[in-house]
N, C-alpha and C. Protein backbone atom coordinates (compact mmCIF):
# COMPACT_ATOMS: atom_id res chain seq x y z
N MET A 1 -28.70 -7.93 1.23
CA MET A 1 -27.68 -7.04 1.72
C MET A 1 -26.82 -7.77 2.75
N ILE A 2 -25.56 -7.52 2.67
CA ILE A 2 -24.61 -8.07 3.63
C ILE A 2 -24.26 -6.94 4.59
N LEU A 3 -24.64 -7.12 5.84
CA LEU A 3 -24.36 -6.10 6.85
C LEU A 3 -23.27 -6.61 7.78
N LEU A 4 -22.17 -5.87 7.85
CA LEU A 4 -21.06 -6.20 8.75
C LEU A 4 -21.05 -5.20 9.89
N LYS A 5 -20.88 -5.71 11.10
CA LYS A 5 -20.76 -4.87 12.28
C LYS A 5 -19.50 -5.33 13.02
N ASN A 6 -18.62 -4.40 13.34
CA ASN A 6 -17.37 -4.74 14.01
C ASN A 6 -17.26 -3.91 15.28
N THR A 7 -17.46 -4.57 16.43
CA THR A 7 -17.41 -3.83 17.69
C THR A 7 -16.14 -4.12 18.49
N GLN A 8 -15.23 -4.85 17.91
CA GLN A 8 -13.94 -5.06 18.58
C GLN A 8 -12.91 -4.16 17.89
N LYS A 9 -11.87 -3.85 18.58
CA LYS A 9 -10.90 -2.87 18.06
C LYS A 9 -9.50 -3.42 17.81
N LYS A 10 -9.19 -4.61 18.32
CA LYS A 10 -7.82 -5.11 18.28
C LYS A 10 -7.40 -5.70 16.94
N ILE A 11 -8.32 -6.39 16.29
CA ILE A 11 -7.96 -7.14 15.08
C ILE A 11 -8.57 -6.47 13.86
N LYS A 12 -7.72 -6.11 12.94
CA LYS A 12 -8.16 -5.42 11.73
C LYS A 12 -8.71 -6.42 10.71
N ILE A 13 -9.80 -6.02 10.08
CA ILE A 13 -10.35 -6.79 8.96
C ILE A 13 -10.60 -5.81 7.82
N ASP A 14 -10.69 -6.35 6.62
CA ASP A 14 -10.98 -5.56 5.44
C ASP A 14 -12.44 -5.79 5.07
N PRO A 15 -13.34 -4.87 5.42
CA PRO A 15 -14.77 -5.09 5.18
C PRO A 15 -15.12 -5.30 3.70
N LYS A 16 -14.42 -4.62 2.80
CA LYS A 16 -14.70 -4.79 1.36
C LYS A 16 -14.37 -6.22 0.92
N TYR A 17 -13.24 -6.72 1.37
CA TYR A 17 -12.84 -8.10 1.05
C TYR A 17 -13.86 -9.09 1.62
N VAL A 18 -14.23 -8.90 2.88
CA VAL A 18 -15.18 -9.82 3.52
C VAL A 18 -16.51 -9.81 2.78
N LYS A 19 -17.03 -8.63 2.48
CA LYS A 19 -18.32 -8.54 1.77
C LYS A 19 -18.24 -9.22 0.40
N LYS A 20 -17.15 -8.99 -0.30
CA LYS A 20 -16.98 -9.59 -1.63
C LYS A 20 -16.98 -11.12 -1.54
N GLN A 21 -16.27 -11.66 -0.55
CA GLN A 21 -16.21 -13.11 -0.38
C GLN A 21 -17.56 -13.67 0.07
N VAL A 22 -18.24 -12.97 0.97
CA VAL A 22 -19.56 -13.42 1.43
C VAL A 22 -20.53 -13.44 0.25
N GLN A 23 -20.48 -12.42 -0.60
CA GLN A 23 -21.36 -12.40 -1.77
C GLN A 23 -21.08 -13.59 -2.68
N LYS A 24 -19.80 -13.92 -2.87
CA LYS A 24 -19.45 -15.10 -3.69
C LYS A 24 -20.01 -16.37 -3.07
N ILE A 25 -19.91 -16.49 -1.75
CA ILE A 25 -20.42 -17.68 -1.06
C ILE A 25 -21.93 -17.77 -1.23
N LEU A 26 -22.61 -16.64 -1.06
CA LEU A 26 -24.07 -16.64 -1.23
C LEU A 26 -24.44 -17.05 -2.65
N GLU A 27 -23.69 -16.62 -3.63
CA GLU A 27 -23.93 -17.02 -5.01
C GLU A 27 -23.72 -18.52 -5.19
N LEU A 28 -22.66 -19.06 -4.61
CA LEU A 28 -22.39 -20.49 -4.71
C LEU A 28 -23.46 -21.32 -4.00
N LEU A 29 -24.08 -20.75 -2.97
CA LEU A 29 -25.15 -21.44 -2.25
C LEU A 29 -26.52 -21.22 -2.89
N ASN A 30 -26.55 -20.44 -3.97
CA ASN A 30 -27.79 -20.11 -4.69
C ASN A 30 -28.73 -19.21 -3.89
N TYR A 31 -28.15 -18.31 -3.11
CA TYR A 31 -28.91 -17.31 -2.37
C TYR A 31 -28.29 -15.93 -2.57
N PRO A 32 -28.07 -15.51 -3.83
CA PRO A 32 -27.33 -14.26 -4.07
C PRO A 32 -28.04 -13.00 -3.61
N ASN A 33 -29.36 -13.05 -3.50
CA ASN A 33 -30.12 -11.85 -3.13
C ASN A 33 -30.64 -11.90 -1.70
N PHE A 34 -30.09 -12.77 -0.88
CA PHE A 34 -30.53 -12.89 0.51
C PHE A 34 -29.65 -12.05 1.42
N ASP A 35 -30.26 -11.58 2.50
CA ASP A 35 -29.54 -10.78 3.49
C ASP A 35 -28.88 -11.67 4.51
N VAL A 36 -27.78 -11.18 5.04
CA VAL A 36 -27.10 -11.82 6.17
C VAL A 36 -26.41 -10.73 6.98
N ASN A 37 -26.46 -10.88 8.28
CA ASN A 37 -25.79 -9.94 9.19
C ASN A 37 -24.64 -10.67 9.89
N ILE A 38 -23.47 -10.05 9.87
CA ILE A 38 -22.30 -10.64 10.52
C ILE A 38 -21.73 -9.63 11.50
N TRP A 39 -21.62 -10.06 12.74
CA TRP A 39 -21.11 -9.21 13.81
C TRP A 39 -19.77 -9.75 14.28
N PHE A 40 -18.72 -8.95 14.16
CA PHE A 40 -17.40 -9.31 14.63
C PHE A 40 -17.23 -8.73 16.03
N THR A 41 -16.84 -9.60 16.97
CA THR A 41 -16.78 -9.18 18.35
C THR A 41 -15.61 -9.84 19.07
N THR A 42 -15.67 -9.82 20.40
CA THR A 42 -14.60 -10.33 21.25
C THR A 42 -14.98 -11.67 21.89
N ASN A 43 -13.99 -12.30 22.50
CA ASN A 43 -14.26 -13.54 23.24
C ASN A 43 -15.25 -13.32 24.38
N ILE A 44 -15.14 -12.20 25.06
CA ILE A 44 -16.04 -11.94 26.19
C ILE A 44 -17.49 -11.86 25.72
N THR A 45 -17.71 -11.13 24.66
CA THR A 45 -19.09 -10.97 24.15
C THR A 45 -19.65 -12.29 23.65
N ILE A 46 -18.86 -13.02 22.85
CA ILE A 46 -19.39 -14.27 22.30
C ILE A 46 -19.60 -15.30 23.40
N LYS A 47 -18.77 -15.23 24.45
CA LYS A 47 -18.95 -16.13 25.59
C LYS A 47 -20.32 -15.90 26.22
N ASN A 48 -20.72 -14.65 26.37
CA ASN A 48 -22.03 -14.33 26.94
C ASN A 48 -23.17 -14.87 26.07
N PHE A 49 -23.05 -14.74 24.76
CA PHE A 49 -24.07 -15.26 23.86
C PHE A 49 -24.07 -16.79 23.86
N ASN A 50 -22.90 -17.39 23.93
CA ASN A 50 -22.79 -18.85 23.95
C ASN A 50 -23.45 -19.41 25.22
N LYS A 51 -23.25 -18.72 26.33
CA LYS A 51 -23.87 -19.14 27.59
C LYS A 51 -25.39 -18.99 27.52
N LYS A 52 -25.84 -17.84 27.03
CA LYS A 52 -27.27 -17.56 26.97
C LYS A 52 -28.02 -18.50 26.03
N PHE A 53 -27.46 -18.75 24.85
CA PHE A 53 -28.20 -19.49 23.83
C PHE A 53 -27.83 -20.97 23.71
N ARG A 54 -26.65 -21.35 24.22
CA ARG A 54 -26.25 -22.75 24.10
C ARG A 54 -25.92 -23.38 25.45
N GLY A 55 -25.97 -22.60 26.50
CA GLY A 55 -25.68 -23.12 27.84
C GLY A 55 -24.22 -23.46 28.06
N LYS A 56 -23.33 -22.90 27.23
CA LYS A 56 -21.90 -23.18 27.34
C LYS A 56 -21.18 -21.91 27.78
N ASN A 57 -20.58 -21.95 28.96
CA ASN A 57 -19.95 -20.78 29.55
C ASN A 57 -18.49 -20.65 29.12
N LYS A 58 -18.31 -20.52 27.82
CA LYS A 58 -16.96 -20.38 27.26
C LYS A 58 -17.07 -19.69 25.90
N PRO A 59 -15.98 -19.06 25.48
CA PRO A 59 -16.01 -18.45 24.15
C PRO A 59 -15.99 -19.52 23.06
N THR A 60 -16.38 -19.14 21.88
CA THR A 60 -16.35 -20.01 20.71
C THR A 60 -16.00 -19.15 19.51
N ASP A 61 -15.79 -19.78 18.37
CA ASP A 61 -15.42 -19.01 17.18
C ASP A 61 -16.62 -18.32 16.54
N ILE A 62 -17.75 -19.05 16.46
CA ILE A 62 -18.89 -18.53 15.70
C ILE A 62 -20.20 -19.05 16.27
N LEU A 63 -21.20 -18.22 16.20
CA LEU A 63 -22.57 -18.60 16.53
C LEU A 63 -23.46 -18.17 15.37
N SER A 64 -24.41 -19.03 15.01
CA SER A 64 -25.31 -18.74 13.90
C SER A 64 -26.75 -18.74 14.40
N PHE A 65 -27.49 -17.75 13.95
CA PHE A 65 -28.90 -17.61 14.32
C PHE A 65 -29.72 -17.52 13.04
N PRO A 66 -30.26 -18.65 12.57
CA PRO A 66 -30.97 -18.67 11.30
C PRO A 66 -32.31 -17.95 11.33
N PHE A 67 -32.63 -17.28 10.26
CA PHE A 67 -33.94 -16.66 10.06
C PHE A 67 -35.00 -17.75 9.89
N TYR A 68 -34.59 -18.90 9.35
CA TYR A 68 -35.46 -20.06 9.16
C TYR A 68 -34.96 -21.19 10.05
N PRO A 69 -35.28 -21.17 11.33
CA PRO A 69 -34.70 -22.14 12.27
C PRO A 69 -35.15 -23.59 12.05
N ASN A 70 -36.23 -23.82 11.33
CA ASN A 70 -36.71 -25.19 11.10
C ASN A 70 -36.29 -25.74 9.74
N LEU A 71 -35.45 -25.01 9.03
CA LEU A 71 -34.98 -25.44 7.72
C LEU A 71 -34.13 -26.69 7.85
N LYS A 72 -34.38 -27.67 7.02
CA LYS A 72 -33.58 -28.90 7.00
C LYS A 72 -32.47 -28.77 5.97
N GLN A 73 -31.35 -29.44 6.22
CA GLN A 73 -30.24 -29.36 5.27
C GLN A 73 -30.69 -29.79 3.88
N GLY A 74 -30.32 -29.00 2.90
CA GLY A 74 -30.67 -29.29 1.52
C GLY A 74 -32.03 -28.75 1.10
N GLU A 75 -32.85 -28.33 2.05
CA GLU A 75 -34.16 -27.77 1.74
C GLU A 75 -33.97 -26.34 1.22
N LYS A 76 -34.66 -26.01 0.16
CA LYS A 76 -34.54 -24.68 -0.45
C LYS A 76 -35.51 -23.71 0.22
N ILE A 77 -35.02 -22.53 0.54
CA ILE A 77 -35.86 -21.47 1.10
C ILE A 77 -36.70 -20.87 -0.02
N LYS A 78 -37.99 -20.75 0.25
CA LYS A 78 -38.90 -20.11 -0.70
C LYS A 78 -39.46 -18.86 -0.04
N ALA A 79 -38.74 -17.76 -0.21
CA ALA A 79 -39.14 -16.49 0.40
C ALA A 79 -40.41 -15.98 -0.28
N GLN A 80 -41.38 -15.57 0.53
CA GLN A 80 -42.66 -15.08 0.03
C GLN A 80 -42.62 -13.58 -0.27
N THR A 81 -41.79 -12.85 0.46
CA THR A 81 -41.68 -11.40 0.28
C THR A 81 -40.19 -11.03 0.31
N PRO A 82 -39.86 -9.83 -0.16
CA PRO A 82 -38.46 -9.40 -0.08
C PRO A 82 -37.91 -9.41 1.35
N GLU A 83 -38.76 -9.12 2.33
CA GLU A 83 -38.33 -9.15 3.73
C GLU A 83 -37.96 -10.55 4.19
N ASP A 84 -38.50 -11.56 3.53
CA ASP A 84 -38.20 -12.95 3.88
C ASP A 84 -36.90 -13.44 3.25
N GLN A 85 -36.27 -12.61 2.43
CA GLN A 85 -35.00 -12.99 1.81
C GLN A 85 -33.87 -12.70 2.78
N ASN A 86 -33.87 -13.45 3.86
CA ASN A 86 -32.93 -13.24 4.95
C ASN A 86 -32.45 -14.61 5.41
N LEU A 87 -31.15 -14.79 5.52
CA LEU A 87 -30.62 -16.05 6.03
C LEU A 87 -30.47 -16.04 7.54
N GLY A 88 -30.16 -14.87 8.12
CA GLY A 88 -30.02 -14.80 9.56
C GLY A 88 -28.81 -14.00 9.98
N ASP A 89 -28.38 -14.28 11.20
CA ASP A 89 -27.30 -13.53 11.83
C ASP A 89 -26.17 -14.46 12.26
N ILE A 90 -24.96 -13.94 12.16
CA ILE A 90 -23.77 -14.68 12.57
C ILE A 90 -22.97 -13.77 13.51
N ILE A 91 -22.48 -14.35 14.60
CA ILE A 91 -21.57 -13.64 15.51
C ILE A 91 -20.23 -14.36 15.48
N ILE A 92 -19.16 -13.62 15.31
CA ILE A 92 -17.82 -14.20 15.21
C ILE A 92 -16.89 -13.51 16.19
N SER A 93 -16.16 -14.30 16.96
CA SER A 93 -15.10 -13.75 17.80
C SER A 93 -13.81 -13.73 16.98
N LEU A 94 -13.35 -12.55 16.65
CA LEU A 94 -12.11 -12.45 15.89
C LEU A 94 -10.92 -12.90 16.71
N GLU A 95 -10.95 -12.69 18.02
CA GLU A 95 -9.87 -13.17 18.90
C GLU A 95 -9.73 -14.69 18.78
N TYR A 96 -10.86 -15.37 18.88
CA TYR A 96 -10.88 -16.83 18.82
C TYR A 96 -10.38 -17.32 17.45
N CYS A 97 -10.86 -16.66 16.40
CA CYS A 97 -10.47 -17.06 15.05
C CYS A 97 -8.99 -16.82 14.78
N LEU A 98 -8.46 -15.72 15.29
CA LEU A 98 -7.04 -15.44 15.11
C LEU A 98 -6.20 -16.52 15.77
N LYS A 99 -6.58 -16.92 16.97
CA LYS A 99 -5.85 -17.98 17.69
C LYS A 99 -5.91 -19.29 16.90
N ASP A 100 -7.10 -19.64 16.40
CA ASP A 100 -7.24 -20.88 15.64
C ASP A 100 -6.47 -20.84 14.32
N SER A 101 -6.48 -19.69 13.66
CA SER A 101 -5.76 -19.59 12.39
C SER A 101 -4.26 -19.80 12.59
N LYS A 102 -3.75 -19.31 13.71
CA LYS A 102 -2.33 -19.51 14.02
C LYS A 102 -2.04 -20.98 14.31
N LYS A 103 -2.94 -21.63 15.06
CA LYS A 103 -2.76 -23.07 15.35
C LYS A 103 -2.71 -23.89 14.08
N LEU A 104 -3.54 -23.50 13.11
CA LEU A 104 -3.61 -24.25 11.85
C LEU A 104 -2.62 -23.75 10.81
N ASN A 105 -1.86 -22.71 11.17
CA ASN A 105 -0.89 -22.13 10.26
C ASN A 105 -1.56 -21.70 8.94
N LEU A 106 -2.71 -21.03 9.09
CA LEU A 106 -3.49 -20.59 7.93
C LEU A 106 -3.64 -19.07 8.00
N ASP A 107 -3.47 -18.41 6.88
CA ASP A 107 -3.64 -16.97 6.81
C ASP A 107 -4.98 -16.56 7.43
N PHE A 108 -4.96 -15.54 8.29
CA PHE A 108 -6.15 -15.14 9.02
C PHE A 108 -7.30 -14.75 8.10
N LYS A 109 -7.02 -14.00 7.03
CA LYS A 109 -8.09 -13.58 6.11
C LYS A 109 -8.80 -14.79 5.50
N ILE A 110 -8.03 -15.78 5.14
CA ILE A 110 -8.61 -16.99 4.55
C ILE A 110 -9.36 -17.79 5.60
N TYR A 111 -8.78 -17.89 6.78
CA TYR A 111 -9.44 -18.62 7.86
C TYR A 111 -10.78 -17.97 8.20
N LEU A 112 -10.82 -16.66 8.21
CA LEU A 112 -12.06 -15.95 8.51
C LEU A 112 -13.14 -16.29 7.49
N ILE A 113 -12.78 -16.39 6.24
CA ILE A 113 -13.76 -16.75 5.21
C ILE A 113 -14.21 -18.20 5.40
N ARG A 114 -13.32 -19.05 5.84
CA ARG A 114 -13.69 -20.44 6.14
C ARG A 114 -14.74 -20.47 7.25
N ILE A 115 -14.53 -19.68 8.29
CA ILE A 115 -15.47 -19.63 9.42
C ILE A 115 -16.81 -19.05 8.98
N ILE A 116 -16.77 -18.01 8.17
CA ILE A 116 -18.01 -17.42 7.67
C ILE A 116 -18.76 -18.43 6.81
N THR A 117 -18.05 -19.17 5.99
CA THR A 117 -18.69 -20.23 5.18
C THR A 117 -19.40 -21.21 6.10
N HIS A 118 -18.73 -21.62 7.16
CA HIS A 118 -19.31 -22.54 8.13
C HIS A 118 -20.61 -21.96 8.71
N GLY A 119 -20.56 -20.70 9.09
CA GLY A 119 -21.75 -20.06 9.65
C GLY A 119 -22.89 -19.96 8.65
N LEU A 120 -22.58 -19.62 7.42
CA LEU A 120 -23.62 -19.51 6.39
C LEU A 120 -24.28 -20.87 6.13
N VAL A 121 -23.48 -21.91 6.12
CA VAL A 121 -24.02 -23.25 5.92
C VAL A 121 -24.93 -23.63 7.09
N HIS A 122 -24.54 -23.25 8.30
CA HIS A 122 -25.42 -23.45 9.47
C HIS A 122 -26.76 -22.75 9.27
N LEU A 123 -26.72 -21.53 8.74
CA LEU A 123 -27.97 -20.78 8.52
C LEU A 123 -28.90 -21.49 7.55
N LEU A 124 -28.35 -22.39 6.74
CA LEU A 124 -29.14 -23.13 5.76
C LEU A 124 -29.56 -24.50 6.28
N GLY A 125 -29.48 -24.71 7.59
CA GLY A 125 -30.01 -25.93 8.19
C GLY A 125 -29.01 -27.06 8.35
N TYR A 126 -27.78 -26.85 7.95
CA TYR A 126 -26.76 -27.89 8.10
C TYR A 126 -26.20 -27.86 9.51
N ASP A 127 -25.80 -29.02 10.00
CA ASP A 127 -25.25 -29.11 11.34
C ASP A 127 -24.23 -30.23 11.39
N HIS A 128 -23.59 -30.40 12.53
CA HIS A 128 -22.56 -31.43 12.68
C HIS A 128 -22.75 -32.18 13.99
N ILE A 129 -24.01 -32.44 14.33
CA ILE A 129 -24.32 -33.17 15.56
C ILE A 129 -23.93 -34.64 15.42
N THR A 130 -24.30 -35.25 14.31
CA THR A 130 -23.94 -36.65 14.08
C THR A 130 -22.77 -36.70 13.09
N ASP A 131 -22.10 -37.83 13.03
CA ASP A 131 -20.99 -37.99 12.08
C ASP A 131 -21.47 -37.82 10.65
N GLN A 132 -22.64 -38.36 10.34
CA GLN A 132 -23.18 -38.25 8.98
C GLN A 132 -23.50 -36.79 8.64
N ASP A 133 -24.11 -36.07 9.58
CA ASP A 133 -24.39 -34.65 9.36
C ASP A 133 -23.09 -33.88 9.13
N TYR A 134 -22.07 -34.21 9.92
CA TYR A 134 -20.77 -33.55 9.78
C TYR A 134 -20.21 -33.78 8.37
N LYS A 135 -20.27 -35.02 7.89
CA LYS A 135 -19.72 -35.33 6.56
C LYS A 135 -20.41 -34.52 5.47
N VAL A 136 -21.75 -34.43 5.55
CA VAL A 136 -22.51 -33.68 4.55
C VAL A 136 -22.16 -32.19 4.61
N MET A 137 -22.15 -31.65 5.82
CA MET A 137 -21.85 -30.24 6.00
C MET A 137 -20.42 -29.92 5.57
N HIS A 138 -19.49 -30.74 6.00
CA HIS A 138 -18.07 -30.52 5.69
C HIS A 138 -17.84 -30.58 4.18
N LYS A 139 -18.49 -31.50 3.50
CA LYS A 139 -18.32 -31.62 2.05
C LYS A 139 -18.81 -30.36 1.34
N LEU A 140 -19.95 -29.84 1.77
CA LEU A 140 -20.47 -28.61 1.17
C LEU A 140 -19.50 -27.45 1.41
N GLU A 141 -19.01 -27.32 2.63
CA GLU A 141 -18.04 -26.27 2.94
C GLU A 141 -16.78 -26.41 2.09
N GLN A 142 -16.28 -27.63 1.97
CA GLN A 142 -15.07 -27.88 1.18
C GLN A 142 -15.27 -27.49 -0.28
N ASN A 143 -16.43 -27.82 -0.83
CA ASN A 143 -16.72 -27.48 -2.22
C ASN A 143 -16.72 -25.97 -2.43
N ILE A 144 -17.30 -25.25 -1.50
CA ILE A 144 -17.34 -23.79 -1.60
C ILE A 144 -15.92 -23.22 -1.49
N LEU A 145 -15.18 -23.66 -0.50
CA LEU A 145 -13.83 -23.13 -0.27
C LEU A 145 -12.89 -23.46 -1.43
N LYS A 146 -13.05 -24.62 -2.04
CA LYS A 146 -12.21 -24.97 -3.20
C LYS A 146 -12.48 -24.04 -4.37
N LYS A 147 -13.72 -23.58 -4.50
CA LYS A 147 -14.05 -22.64 -5.58
C LYS A 147 -13.52 -21.24 -5.28
N LEU A 148 -13.48 -20.88 -4.02
CA LEU A 148 -12.97 -19.56 -3.63
C LEU A 148 -11.44 -19.50 -3.63
N PHE A 149 -10.82 -20.56 -3.13
CA PHE A 149 -9.37 -20.61 -2.95
C PHE A 149 -8.85 -21.90 -3.57
N LYS A 150 -8.61 -21.88 -4.84
CA LYS A 150 -8.30 -23.09 -5.60
C LYS A 150 -7.03 -23.82 -5.16
N ASP A 151 -6.08 -23.10 -4.60
CA ASP A 151 -4.80 -23.73 -4.29
C ASP A 151 -4.55 -23.93 -2.80
N ILE A 152 -5.60 -23.90 -1.99
CA ILE A 152 -5.43 -24.11 -0.54
C ILE A 152 -6.16 -25.38 -0.13
N ASN A 153 -5.49 -26.18 0.71
CA ASN A 153 -6.07 -27.41 1.20
C ASN A 153 -6.76 -27.14 2.53
N PHE A 154 -8.08 -27.36 2.58
CA PHE A 154 -8.85 -27.13 3.79
C PHE A 154 -9.25 -28.44 4.47
N ASN A 155 -8.53 -29.50 4.23
CA ASN A 155 -8.90 -30.80 4.80
C ASN A 155 -8.40 -30.94 6.23
N TYR A 156 -9.12 -30.34 7.15
CA TYR A 156 -8.86 -30.48 8.58
C TYR A 156 -10.15 -30.40 9.32
């Protein structure tokens, strides 16, 4: 199940569109029956979570909290029960994403799906701490986005 929670009021999103795109991403990642929770919030709220969990006292675009925190990139999740079919939780600041989408001159709806893709890949153990990790993670994200949006260049 894809659970969306939106506690900010300024920026409109289309929940049906987001759920449909998230389901496609989960299918492309080979986790079509896994749960994920996505919370859309403000810069103030995400700043508090960023400080608490990452020690960074500033807002960010996205935070990911994996259900399987020890999963290594490329390792397949083997859920033992239906309750274990969970990827985790994602928190997104729509304010931050809107600002970034404008900087990149990219449609906000598409940019939001790019950010969600990034968060989902994080939930699967991918990271960008080293240059090599970044290359692997970025390539996976690019492959997914090219399948979702065939005529948009995401090379940034």
